[in-house]
């Protein structure tokens, strides 16, 4: 199966468009057997298609995105209008793509290749990434070919390694057949949550032995429980088997199986509550940890700028009581900030601390460092497990202080523009509507979607079709629903959705996550910020409640995935 590569570029510079088209042609000539390169203008020249839907569908399905940067691309990507300073209710294709590329950067930044075609600047949100800058087209093409092949090869190796690791784990010795023995005397499972941030460990108790379960193993078991509709599936069968990457157990009856699963579910609920409390206490909100550690990135800066920051922080003789915040423990490795005991401010609670660290960026060719906060520092200072008590600045307060106070002061003192420091924005800043999030999730995860949940999605789509005319998305919706008939109105589609033919399609086994993905793509054409026929916020809130079980499943798996190592 061919890999998909999406091309992101600005339309309004004829010379650069010709260069992009030439580079794409050359890439296709050498990579045509392995890669499908998507250039939007070719599609739009052949057929009428809604721009927003085209971008959304192709960019989220792509294995890689190549961004060709020009001055006009930077303007569009950095501005919240149509890219030309006007028509603020209309967004350019570049701005629409920006949200999806930003999401991709959070999840797997190596799948983005940036090429600087013209000018010296790249969009703010891409400055943390390395980029290609070559004067000669042939050099750009050669570098792109190498990066594409290296990325795909690395991705395939990663997938092969994960599959091999899972298979090896499955063959490790714990293949337990307990069908003819009483469960309560043979097998049990226990869990314990400790520490802050919470870590979970467990033990699988057998007849004459036991198996220790580590944090990452338990999180994978929790994900399996949430993702798969295990209880309902086995309730209709005579064989009751729980199989994960680490052990396989066959139970004698459904009650024994249910008892075992409920123990895991109860432990998972306790763990998720502890993680949620931890995030509330330190105001982590929608930020994601660095590499699944309990460290949170604030910004990316050049290493020399960081050294100047340290010197700047060490140069002041902060007078206790005259400033909102002080810096002490002067050194050349980190910045330690605290709120003074006596202070005429209401921004920071007295006697609270935070420490900013730096680490080299993983890219060998980069001179940048990541600035980050260690949650372990916060926990050590806090020394209290109460959710409403801490002795440290939260992640949220630290980010606001760094962005609103320290950076402006530092840049003013050194005559720098503030954009030399790339802030790691809270994910809420770019938050998608809940249906776009759900669509991305069910496209990327093999999470079980029950028949009743599919019916809820169908009803949600019918609700949208009754509220608004689909206009330019009519063809898009028909293609996602697999409609071959010549249906031309909303009522025609609603009638089809209620037909026996479509209901049989909904009941197909093994494809429920894929069907949910298609239905959610149709629904989000009425709910996302790029829609020309968006339903109102009250209706969106109503529909989100309607599919609450799907959203709850998504949010549980996402939270489990944040701290799974």
Protein backbone atom coordinates (compact mmCIF):
# COMPACT_ATOMS: atom_id res chain seq x y z
CA UNK A 1 0.00 0.00 0.00
CA UNK A 2 1.39 3.41 -1.00
CA UNK A 3 2.27 5.95 1.67
CA UNK A 4 0.58 9.37 1.43
CA UNK A 5 2.52 12.64 1.42
CA UNK A 6 0.59 15.91 1.71
CA UNK A 7 2.02 19.15 0.27
CA UNK A 8 1.31 22.37 2.20
CA UNK A 9 2.17 25.64 0.42
CA UNK A 10 0.81 29.10 -0.42
CA UNK A 11 -1.10 29.57 -3.66
CA UNK A 12 -0.55 33.25 -4.28
CA UNK A 13 3.08 33.32 -5.43
CA UNK A 14 3.26 32.13 -9.03
CA UNK A 15 7.04 31.68 -9.12
CA UNK A 16 7.07 29.54 -6.01
CA UNK A 17 4.04 27.53 -7.13
CA UNK A 18 5.93 26.61 -10.29
CA UNK A 19 8.92 25.57 -8.16
CA UNK A 20 6.70 23.45 -5.89
CA UNK A 21 5.08 21.78 -8.90
CA UNK A 22 8.51 21.01 -10.38
CA UNK A 23 9.80 19.52 -7.11
CA UNK A 24 6.64 17.41 -6.74
CA UNK A 25 6.98 16.17 -10.33
CA UNK A 26 10.59 15.11 -9.71
CA UNK A 27 9.65 13.37 -6.45
CA UNK A 28 6.87 11.49 -8.22
CA UNK A 29 9.23 10.34 -10.93
CA UNK A 30 11.58 8.73 -8.41
CA UNK A 31 9.08 7.70 -5.69
CA UNK A 32 5.99 6.87 -7.75
CA UNK A 33 5.93 3.17 -6.86
CA UNK A 34 5.94 3.79 -3.11
CA UNK A 35 4.33 7.16 -2.45
CA UNK A 36 1.18 9.06 -3.37
CA UNK A 37 1.95 12.81 -3.33
CA UNK A 38 -1.13 15.01 -2.85
CA UNK A 39 -1.02 18.46 -4.46
CA UNK A 40 -4.33 20.21 -3.90
CA UNK A 41 -4.48 22.47 -6.97
CA UNK A 42 -4.39 19.45 -9.27
CA UNK A 43 -7.52 18.11 -7.57
CA UNK A 44 -9.35 21.44 -7.61
CA UNK A 45 -8.55 21.98 -11.28
CA UNK A 46 -10.19 18.64 -12.15
CA UNK A 47 -13.32 18.78 -9.99
CA UNK A 48 -15.31 20.98 -7.64
CA UNK A 49 -14.60 20.08 -4.05
CA UNK A 50 -14.96 21.80 -0.70
CA UNK A 51 -11.51 23.11 0.28
CA UNK A 52 -11.98 22.59 4.00
CA UNK A 53 -13.04 18.95 3.65
CA UNK A 54 -10.24 18.23 1.19
CA UNK A 55 -7.62 19.61 3.56
CA UNK A 56 -9.04 17.91 6.64
CA UNK A 57 -9.34 14.49 5.02
CA UNK A 58 -6.01 14.41 3.24
CA UNK A 59 -3.79 15.99 5.85
CA UNK A 60 -4.97 13.76 8.70
CA UNK A 61 -4.65 10.64 6.52
CA UNK A 62 -1.13 11.53 5.34
CA UNK A 63 1.93 9.64 6.55
CA UNK A 64 4.01 12.78 6.06
CA UNK A 65 3.50 16.51 5.43
CA UNK A 66 5.96 18.61 3.44
CA UNK A 67 5.64 22.35 4.15
CA UNK A 68 7.04 24.69 1.48
CA UNK A 69 7.61 28.02 3.25
CA UNK A 70 7.56 31.41 1.53
CA UNK A 71 6.97 34.90 2.97
CA UNK A 72 3.27 34.75 2.09
CA UNK A 73 2.97 31.31 3.73
CA UNK A 74 4.43 32.73 6.96
CA UNK A 75 1.94 35.63 6.94
CA UNK A 76 -1.02 33.29 6.51
CA UNK A 77 0.15 30.75 9.08
CA UNK A 78 0.80 33.43 11.71
CA UNK A 79 -2.38 35.49 11.23
CA UNK A 80 -5.92 34.74 12.28
CA UNK A 81 -7.60 35.94 9.09
CA UNK A 82 -7.66 34.98 5.43
CA UNK A 83 -3.91 35.51 5.14
CA UNK A 84 -4.25 38.90 3.49
CA UNK A 85 -5.34 40.97 6.49
CA UNK A 86 -9.05 40.99 5.69
CA UNK A 87 -12.23 38.89 5.56
CA UNK A 88 -11.76 37.74 9.13
CA UNK A 89 -14.69 35.33 8.87
CA UNK A 90 -12.88 33.42 6.12
CA UNK A 91 -9.74 31.35 6.63
CA UNK A 92 -7.09 30.55 4.06
CA UNK A 93 -6.13 26.99 3.23
CA UNK A 94 -2.78 27.60 4.95
CA UNK A 95 -4.48 28.62 8.20
CA UNK A 96 -6.76 25.58 8.09
CA UNK A 97 -3.73 23.36 7.54
CA UNK A 98 -1.88 25.04 10.42
CA UNK A 99 -4.16 23.52 13.06
CA UNK A 100 -3.72 20.01 11.69
CA UNK A 101 0.05 20.39 11.26
CA UNK A 102 0.31 21.68 14.83
CA UNK A 103 -1.54 18.59 16.07
CA UNK A 104 0.84 16.43 14.04
CA UNK A 105 3.82 18.27 15.57
CA UNK A 106 2.59 17.37 19.05
CA UNK A 107 2.13 13.70 18.15
CA UNK A 108 5.06 12.95 15.82
CA UNK A 109 7.07 15.95 14.68
CA UNK A 110 9.38 13.81 12.53
CA UNK A 111 6.51 13.37 10.06
CA UNK A 112 6.79 17.08 9.13
CA UNK A 113 9.47 18.23 6.67
CA UNK A 114 9.88 21.99 6.30
CA UNK A 115 11.47 23.45 3.15
CA UNK A 116 12.41 27.14 3.16
CA UNK A 117 11.91 28.17 -0.46
CA UNK A 118 12.09 31.93 -0.10
CA UNK A 119 12.84 34.44 2.66
CA UNK A 120 14.47 33.84 6.03
CA UNK A 121 11.50 33.15 8.31
CA UNK A 122 9.33 30.13 9.06
CA UNK A 123 5.92 30.16 10.83
CA UNK A 124 6.12 30.57 14.60
CA UNK A 125 4.78 27.12 15.34
CA UNK A 126 7.40 25.44 13.11
CA UNK A 127 10.50 27.23 14.38
CA UNK A 128 11.27 24.43 16.80
CA UNK A 129 11.78 22.05 13.86
CA UNK A 130 14.81 21.83 11.59
CA UNK A 131 14.27 22.75 7.93
CA UNK A 132 15.78 22.34 4.48
CA UNK A 133 17.32 25.43 2.91
CA UNK A 134 19.05 24.91 -0.44
CA UNK A 135 19.59 27.31 -3.33
CA UNK A 136 19.45 24.63 -6.04
CA UNK A 137 16.26 22.67 -6.75
CA UNK A 138 18.15 19.42 -7.30
CA UNK A 139 19.64 19.67 -3.80
CA UNK A 140 16.18 20.22 -2.31
CA UNK A 141 14.88 17.16 -4.17
CA UNK A 142 17.77 14.93 -3.07
CA UNK A 143 17.41 16.01 0.57
CA UNK A 144 13.65 15.45 0.47
CA UNK A 145 14.05 11.98 -1.03
CA UNK A 146 16.51 11.03 1.69
CA UNK A 147 14.36 12.39 4.52
CA UNK A 148 11.20 10.73 3.17
CA UNK A 149 12.87 7.33 2.86
CA UNK A 150 14.56 7.64 6.26
CA UNK A 151 11.30 8.56 7.98
CA UNK A 152 9.23 5.81 6.37
CA UNK A 153 11.99 3.29 7.09
CA UNK A 154 12.18 4.41 10.73
CA UNK A 155 8.39 4.26 11.05
CA UNK A 156 8.25 0.74 9.60
CA UNK A 157 11.09 -0.41 11.87
CA UNK A 158 9.27 1.06 14.88
CA UNK A 159 6.04 -0.77 13.97
CA UNK A 160 7.92 -4.03 13.34
CA UNK A 161 9.74 -3.68 16.67
CA UNK A 162 6.50 -3.02 18.57
CA UNK A 163 4.79 -6.01 16.94
CA UNK A 164 7.80 -8.25 17.65
CA UNK A 165 7.97 -7.02 21.25
CA UNK A 166 4.26 -7.69 21.74
CA UNK A 167 4.56 -11.19 20.25
CA UNK A 168 7.54 -11.96 22.47
CA UNK A 169 5.66 -10.75 25.51
CA UNK A 170 2.68 -12.90 24.57
CA UNK A 171 4.89 -15.98 24.40
CA UNK A 172 6.41 -15.38 27.83
CA UNK A 173 5.44 -18.12 30.14
CA UNK A 174 2.11 -17.07 31.63
CA UNK A 175 -0.39 -18.95 29.44
CA UNK A 176 -2.85 -20.07 32.08
CA UNK A 177 -5.75 -22.47 31.58
CA UNK A 178 -7.87 -22.34 34.72
CA UNK A 179 -11.07 -23.75 33.26
CA UNK A 180 -11.33 -26.77 35.55
CA UNK A 181 -10.17 -25.10 38.77
CA UNK A 182 -12.00 -22.73 41.14
CA UNK A 183 -10.99 -19.15 40.37
CA UNK A 184 -10.99 -17.80 43.91
CA UNK A 185 -8.29 -20.27 44.95
CA UNK A 186 -6.17 -20.07 41.82
CA UNK A 187 -5.98 -16.57 40.35
CA UNK A 188 -6.45 -13.04 41.58
CA UNK A 189 -5.09 -9.63 40.72
CA UNK A 190 -4.25 -6.74 43.04
CA UNK A 191 -3.09 -3.15 42.40
CA UNK A 192 -1.59 -0.32 44.41
CA UNK A 193 -1.21 3.37 43.51
CA UNK A 194 1.61 5.29 45.20
CA UNK A 195 3.43 8.57 44.97
CA UNK A 196 2.85 11.91 43.36
CA UNK A 197 2.71 11.81 40.37
CA UNK A 198 0.89 8.53 40.84
CA UNK A 199 2.49 5.28 39.71
CA UNK A 200 0.65 1.99 39.74
CA UNK A 201 2.00 -1.51 40.30
CA UNK A 202 0.27 -4.84 40.52
CA UNK A 203 0.55 -8.54 41.14
CA UNK A 204 -1.14 -11.46 39.41
CA UNK A 205 -1.58 -14.15 42.06
CA UNK A 206 -1.52 -17.74 40.83
CA UNK A 207 -1.96 -21.10 42.54
CA UNK A 208 1.65 -21.52 43.64
CA UNK A 209 3.36 -18.48 42.15
CA UNK A 210 2.80 -14.87 41.16
CA UNK A 211 3.63 -12.38 38.38
CA UNK A 212 4.64 -8.78 39.13
CA UNK A 213 3.13 -6.15 36.84
CA UNK A 214 4.93 -2.86 36.20
CA UNK A 215 3.34 0.54 35.57
CA UNK A 216 3.60 0.44 31.77
CA UNK A 217 2.17 -3.10 31.64
CA UNK A 218 -0.82 -2.17 33.76
CA UNK A 219 -1.52 0.93 31.66
CA UNK A 220 -1.57 -1.27 28.54
CA UNK A 221 -4.03 -3.61 30.27
CA UNK A 222 -6.20 -0.62 31.23
CA UNK A 223 -6.17 0.60 27.61
CA UNK A 224 -7.29 -2.82 26.45
CA UNK A 225 -10.17 -2.83 28.95
CA UNK A 226 -11.38 0.60 27.78
CA UNK A 227 -10.80 0.00 24.06
CA UNK A 228 -12.54 -3.36 23.79
CA UNK A 229 -16.12 -4.10 24.67
CA UNK A 230 -14.93 -7.17 26.56
CA UNK A 231 -17.87 -7.83 28.87
CA UNK A 232 -20.58 -7.78 26.22
CA UNK A 233 -18.49 -9.75 23.73
CA UNK A 234 -17.88 -12.73 26.00
CA UNK A 235 -21.32 -12.72 27.63
CA UNK A 236 -22.67 -14.45 24.51
CA UNK A 237 -19.93 -17.10 24.29
CA UNK A 238 -19.01 -20.28 26.13
CA UNK A 239 -15.29 -19.53 26.22
CA UNK A 240 -14.04 -16.76 28.50
CA UNK A 241 -10.45 -15.75 27.85
CA UNK A 242 -8.57 -12.65 28.92
CA UNK A 243 -5.48 -12.18 26.78
CA UNK A 244 -3.07 -9.27 26.83
CA UNK A 245 0.58 -8.79 25.89
CA UNK A 246 1.76 -10.33 29.16
CA UNK A 247 -0.51 -13.26 30.01
CA UNK A 248 -3.48 -15.31 28.85
CA UNK A 249 -6.10 -16.70 31.23
CA UNK A 250 -9.04 -18.94 30.38
CA UNK A 251 -11.86 -18.87 32.96
CA UNK A 252 -14.42 -21.56 33.66
CA UNK A 253 -17.49 -19.28 33.41
CA UNK A 254 -18.65 -15.73 32.76
CA UNK A 255 -19.02 -14.83 36.46
CA UNK A 256 -15.37 -15.67 37.16
CA UNK A 257 -14.32 -13.70 34.12
CA UNK A 258 -16.50 -10.73 35.12
CA UNK A 259 -15.10 -10.69 38.66
CA UNK A 260 -11.55 -10.52 37.28
CA UNK A 261 -12.38 -7.72 34.80
CA UNK A 262 -14.25 -5.67 37.40
CA UNK A 263 -11.18 -5.72 39.66
CA UNK A 264 -9.13 -4.26 36.82
CA UNK A 265 -11.80 -1.65 36.03
CA UNK A 266 -12.02 -0.53 39.67
CA UNK A 267 -8.23 -0.15 39.82
CA UNK A 268 -8.28 1.81 36.57
CA UNK A 269 -10.96 4.20 37.89
CA UNK A 270 -8.87 4.82 41.01
CA UNK A 271 -5.74 5.46 38.95
CA UNK A 272 -7.52 7.85 36.56
CA UNK A 273 -8.95 9.80 39.49
CA UNK A 274 -5.47 10.11 41.02
CA UNK A 275 -4.00 11.32 37.71
CA UNK A 276 -6.83 13.83 37.26
CA UNK A 277 -6.26 15.16 40.78
CA UNK A 278 -2.54 15.50 40.05
CA UNK A 279 -3.23 17.50 36.86
CA UNK A 280 -5.72 19.77 38.64
CA UNK A 281 -3.36 20.38 41.57
CA UNK A 282 -0.46 21.47 39.35
CA UNK A 283 -2.71 23.07 36.71
CA UNK A 284 -1.33 20.96 33.91
CA UNK A 285 -4.60 21.05 31.96
CA UNK A 286 -4.09 20.07 28.33
CA UNK A 287 -0.30 20.08 28.29
CA UNK A 288 1.47 16.87 27.38
CA UNK A 289 4.65 15.69 29.12
CA UNK A 290 7.98 15.46 27.33
CA UNK A 291 8.63 11.89 26.17
CA UNK A 292 6.11 10.50 28.68
CA UNK A 293 8.19 11.75 31.60
CA UNK A 294 6.76 14.08 34.22
CA UNK A 295 8.52 17.08 32.68
CA UNK A 296 6.66 19.83 30.82
CA UNK A 297 8.17 21.96 28.09
CA UNK A 298 7.74 25.74 28.26
CA UNK A 299 9.69 26.92 25.24
CA UNK A 300 12.45 26.34 22.71
CA UNK A 301 15.37 28.78 22.44
CA UNK A 302 18.83 28.93 20.97
CA UNK A 303 21.43 27.68 23.45
CA UNK A 304 23.22 31.06 23.43
CA UNK A 305 19.96 32.83 24.29
CA UNK A 306 19.47 30.47 27.24
CA UNK A 307 22.98 31.30 28.50
CA UNK A 308 22.10 35.00 28.26
CA UNK A 309 18.89 34.33 30.18
CA UNK A 310 20.89 32.75 32.99
CA UNK A 311 23.26 35.72 33.12
CA UNK A 312 20.30 38.09 33.05
CA UNK A 313 18.57 36.25 35.91
CA UNK A 314 21.79 36.26 37.94
CA UNK A 315 22.51 39.95 37.37
CA UNK A 316 19.72 41.40 39.49
CA UNK A 317 19.85 42.08 43.18
CA UNK A 318 16.21 41.34 43.82
CA UNK A 319 14.89 43.26 46.80
CA UNK A 320 12.49 41.17 48.86
CA UNK A 321 9.13 42.90 49.13
CA UNK A 322 9.49 45.20 46.13
CA UNK A 323 8.84 42.72 43.35
CA UNK A 324 6.16 40.14 42.59
CA UNK A 325 8.80 37.45 42.14
CA UNK A 326 12.47 36.93 42.95
CA UNK A 327 15.30 34.84 41.52
CA UNK A 328 17.84 33.28 43.84
CA UNK A 329 20.42 30.49 44.02
CA UNK A 330 22.36 32.09 41.20
CA UNK A 331 24.05 29.49 39.00
CA UNK A 332 24.79 28.58 35.40
CA UNK A 333 22.40 25.65 35.07
CA UNK A 334 18.84 26.65 35.95
CA UNK A 335 16.62 29.57 37.00
CA UNK A 336 15.01 29.29 40.43
CA UNK A 337 12.04 31.64 40.91
CA UNK A 338 10.01 32.21 44.07
CA UNK A 339 7.26 34.45 45.41
CA UNK A 340 8.56 36.57 48.30
CA UNK A 341 7.06 36.36 51.77
CA UNK A 342 6.34 40.10 51.81
CA UNK A 343 5.06 41.39 48.51
CA UNK A 344 2.55 43.89 47.18
CA UNK A 345 1.07 41.54 44.61
CA UNK A 346 -1.88 39.23 44.21
CA UNK A 347 -0.48 37.30 41.22
CA UNK A 348 1.55 34.74 43.13
CA UNK A 349 1.06 33.11 46.51
CA UNK A 350 3.84 33.84 48.99
CA UNK A 351 6.66 31.32 49.48
CA UNK A 352 5.98 29.31 46.34
CA UNK A 353 8.84 28.19 44.09
CA UNK A 354 9.58 26.87 40.62
CA UNK A 355 12.78 25.88 38.78
CA UNK A 356 13.37 26.19 35.03
CA UNK A 357 15.75 23.67 33.46
CA UNK A 358 17.15 23.29 29.94
CA UNK A 359 18.03 20.23 27.87
CA UNK A 360 19.58 19.93 24.43
CA UNK A 361 17.14 19.27 21.62
CA UNK A 362 17.39 15.72 20.30
CA UNK A 363 18.13 16.90 16.75
CA UNK A 364 21.91 16.50 16.35
CA UNK A 365 22.17 19.48 13.98
CA UNK A 366 20.21 21.88 16.19
CA UNK A 367 21.69 24.49 18.54
CA UNK A 368 18.38 24.82 20.37
CA UNK A 369 17.47 23.75 23.88
CA UNK A 370 14.12 22.95 25.45
CA UNK A 371 13.21 24.90 28.59
CA UNK A 372 11.10 22.79 30.91
CA UNK A 373 9.77 22.30 34.42
CA UNK A 374 10.33 19.11 36.40
CA UNK A 375 7.22 18.02 38.22
CA UNK A 376 9.46 16.17 40.69
CA UNK A 377 10.79 19.58 41.81
CA UNK A 378 7.24 20.70 42.46
CA UNK A 379 6.31 17.56 44.37
CA UNK A 380 9.45 17.79 46.50
CA UNK A 381 8.63 21.38 47.43
CA UNK A 382 4.97 20.66 48.00
CA UNK A 383 5.36 17.71 50.43
CA UNK A 384 1.61 17.30 50.65
CA UNK A 385 -0.80 15.01 48.83
CA UNK A 386 -3.85 17.23 49.31
CA UNK A 387 -5.33 18.31 46.00
CA UNK A 388 -5.90 21.92 47.11
CA UNK A 389 -2.53 22.43 48.83
CA UNK A 390 0.85 22.94 47.20
CA UNK A 391 4.00 24.95 47.92
CA UNK A 392 5.03 25.45 44.32
CA UNK A 393 3.98 27.40 41.28
CA UNK A 394 1.73 25.40 39.01
CA UNK A 395 2.62 24.61 35.40
CA UNK A 396 0.01 27.13 34.28
CA UNK A 397 1.32 29.94 36.53
CA UNK A 398 4.91 29.20 35.48
CA UNK A 399 4.01 29.40 31.79
CA UNK A 400 2.15 32.68 32.25
CA UNK A 401 5.01 34.18 34.27
CA UNK A 402 7.59 33.12 31.71
CA UNK A 403 5.55 34.41 28.77
CA UNK A 404 4.08 37.60 30.24
CA UNK A 405 6.80 38.79 32.63
CA UNK A 406 10.21 37.21 32.21
CA UNK A 407 10.43 37.14 28.40
CA UNK A 408 9.32 40.79 27.88
CA UNK A 409 11.76 41.96 30.59
CA UNK A 410 14.63 39.90 29.17
CA UNK A 411 13.99 40.96 25.56
CA UNK A 412 13.61 44.62 26.45
CA UNK A 413 16.89 44.59 28.38
CA UNK A 414 18.76 42.90 25.50
CA UNK A 415 16.95 44.58 22.58
CA UNK A 416 15.54 41.30 21.27
CA UNK A 417 12.24 40.66 19.58
CA UNK A 418 10.12 38.39 21.75
CA UNK A 419 9.64 35.85 18.97
CA UNK A 420 13.23 34.63 19.36
CA UNK A 421 11.72 32.42 22.09
CA UNK A 422 9.21 29.84 20.88
CA UNK A 423 6.55 29.31 23.52
CA UNK A 424 4.99 25.87 23.88
CA UNK A 425 1.33 26.86 23.86
CA UNK A 426 -1.24 25.02 25.92
CA UNK A 427 -3.13 22.56 23.73
CA UNK A 428 -6.37 24.29 24.75
CA UNK A 429 -5.16 27.31 22.78
CA UNK A 430 -5.62 25.34 19.58
CA UNK A 431 -8.48 23.17 20.82
CA UNK A 432 -10.58 21.56 18.12
CA UNK A 433 -14.28 20.94 18.49
CA UNK A 434 -15.04 17.68 20.25
CA UNK A 435 -16.18 15.94 17.06
CA UNK A 436 -12.91 16.71 15.28
CA UNK A 437 -11.01 15.32 18.27
CA UNK A 438 -13.18 12.21 18.33
CA UNK A 439 -12.78 11.68 14.59
CA UNK A 440 -8.99 11.88 14.84
CA UNK A 441 -9.01 9.52 17.80
CA UNK A 442 -11.19 6.81 16.26
CA UNK A 443 -9.26 7.04 13.01
CA UNK A 444 -5.95 6.43 14.81
CA UNK A 445 -7.06 3.96 17.49
CA UNK A 446 -8.61 0.53 17.20
CA UNK A 447 -11.12 1.30 19.91
CA UNK A 448 -14.27 -0.79 20.04
CA UNK A 449 -17.42 1.05 18.94
CA UNK A 450 -20.65 -0.73 19.81
CA UNK A 451 -23.74 -0.93 17.63
CA UNK A 452 -25.65 1.37 19.95
CA UNK A 453 -22.83 3.93 19.73
CA UNK A 454 -22.92 3.75 15.93
CA UNK A 455 -26.66 4.37 16.05
CA UNK A 456 -26.04 7.43 18.23
CA UNK A 457 -23.61 8.75 15.62
CA UNK A 458 -26.16 8.11 12.88
CA UNK A 459 -28.81 10.00 14.87
CA UNK A 460 -26.36 12.87 15.42
CA UNK A 461 -25.74 13.13 11.68
CA UNK A 462 -29.48 13.08 10.96
CA UNK A 463 -29.90 15.88 13.53
CA UNK A 464 -27.30 17.97 11.67
CA UNK A 465 -28.92 17.30 8.29
CA UNK A 466 -32.28 18.42 9.68
CA UNK A 467 -30.70 21.61 11.05
CA UNK A 468 -28.61 22.79 8.11
CA UNK A 469 -28.31 22.18 4.39
CA UNK A 470 -25.06 20.38 3.51
CA UNK A 471 -24.37 22.68 0.53
CA UNK A 472 -20.89 22.04 -0.85
CA UNK A 473 -20.34 19.10 1.51
CA UNK A 474 -23.12 17.02 -0.04
CA UNK A 475 -20.72 15.10 -2.30
CA UNK A 476 -18.28 14.67 0.58
CA UNK A 477 -20.92 13.19 2.88
CA UNK A 478 -22.14 10.82 0.16
CA UNK A 479 -18.60 9.57 -0.45
CA UNK A 480 -18.00 8.94 3.27
CA UNK A 481 -21.28 7.04 3.60
CA UNK A 482 -20.56 5.01 0.46
CA UNK A 483 -23.72 6.27 -1.27
CA UNK A 484 -23.80 5.33 -4.95
CA UNK A 485 -27.31 6.60 -5.70
CA UNK A 486 -27.94 10.06 -7.13
CA UNK A 487 -29.13 11.68 -3.90
CA UNK A 488 -29.31 15.47 -4.08
CA UNK A 489 -30.99 16.74 -0.90
CA UNK A 490 -30.63 16.43 2.86
CA UNK A 491 -33.93 14.56 3.00
CA UNK A 492 -32.62 12.01 0.49
CA UNK A 493 -29.59 11.31 2.68
CA UNK A 494 -31.71 11.11 5.85
CA UNK A 495 -33.98 8.56 4.13
CA UNK A 496 -30.91 6.53 3.16
CA UNK A 497 -29.54 6.66 6.72
CA UNK A 498 -32.83 5.22 7.99
CA UNK A 499 -32.93 2.48 5.35
CA UNK A 500 -32.41 -1.23 5.99
CA UNK A 501 -29.42 -1.13 3.63
CA UNK A 502 -27.54 1.36 5.80
CA UNK A 503 -28.56 -0.31 9.06
CA UNK A 504 -27.11 -3.60 7.79
CA UNK A 505 -23.92 -1.73 6.95
CA UNK A 506 -23.77 -0.39 10.53
CA UNK A 507 -24.00 -3.90 11.92
CA UNK A 508 -20.94 -5.18 10.03
CA UNK A 509 -18.45 -6.77 12.45
CA UNK A 510 -14.80 -5.71 12.74
CA UNK A 511 -15.27 -2.40 10.96
CA UNK A 512 -16.99 -0.40 13.67
CA UNK A 513 -14.07 1.97 14.36
CA UNK A 514 -13.76 2.69 10.64
CA UNK A 515 -17.51 3.34 10.34
CA UNK A 516 -17.36 5.65 13.37
CA UNK A 517 -14.52 7.54 11.68
CA UNK A 518 -16.63 8.06 8.53
CA UNK A 519 -19.72 9.17 10.46
CA UNK A 520 -17.67 11.58 12.58
CA UNK A 521 -16.12 13.10 9.45
CA UNK A 522 -19.64 13.76 8.16
CA UNK A 523 -20.77 15.24 11.49
CA UNK A 524 -17.77 17.53 11.84
CA UNK A 525 -18.63 19.14 8.50
CA UNK A 526 -21.44 20.72 10.56
CA UNK A 527 -19.45 21.37 13.75
CA UNK A 528 -15.86 22.41 13.03
CA UNK A 529 -14.68 26.00 12.75
CA UNK A 530 -14.16 25.76 8.99
CA UNK A 531 -17.74 24.79 8.14
CA UNK A 532 -19.91 27.05 5.98
CA UNK A 533 -23.02 25.51 7.55
CA UNK A 534 -21.98 25.11 11.18
CA UNK A 535 -24.74 24.36 13.66
CA UNK A 536 -24.91 26.54 16.79
CA UNK A 537 -22.98 25.93 20.01
CA UNK A 538 -26.06 24.73 21.90
CA UNK A 539 -26.72 22.07 19.28
CA UNK A 540 -23.07 20.97 19.39
CA UNK A 541 -23.27 20.68 23.18
CA UNK A 542 -26.44 18.59 22.83
CA UNK A 543 -24.78 16.25 20.32
CA UNK A 544 -21.66 15.86 22.45
CA UNK A 545 -23.90 14.61 25.28
CA UNK A 546 -25.57 12.24 22.84
CA UNK A 547 -22.28 10.51 22.02
CA UNK A 548 -20.96 10.80 25.57
CA UNK A 549 -19.86 7.14 25.80
CA UNK A 550 -17.57 7.59 22.77
CA UNK A 551 -16.11 10.81 24.17
CA UNK A 552 -15.60 9.27 27.62
CA UNK A 553 -13.78 6.31 26.07
CA UNK A 554 -11.55 8.66 24.07
CA UNK A 555 -10.71 10.83 27.09
CA UNK A 556 -9.86 7.82 29.27
CA UNK A 557 -7.50 6.34 26.68
CA UNK A 558 -5.87 9.73 26.06
CA UNK A 559 -5.29 10.25 29.79
CA UNK A 560 -3.90 6.73 30.17
CA UNK A 561 -1.55 7.40 27.26
CA UNK A 562 -0.07 10.56 28.78
CA UNK A 563 1.87 8.73 31.48
CA UNK A 564 2.20 5.20 30.15
CA UNK A 565 5.94 4.58 30.65
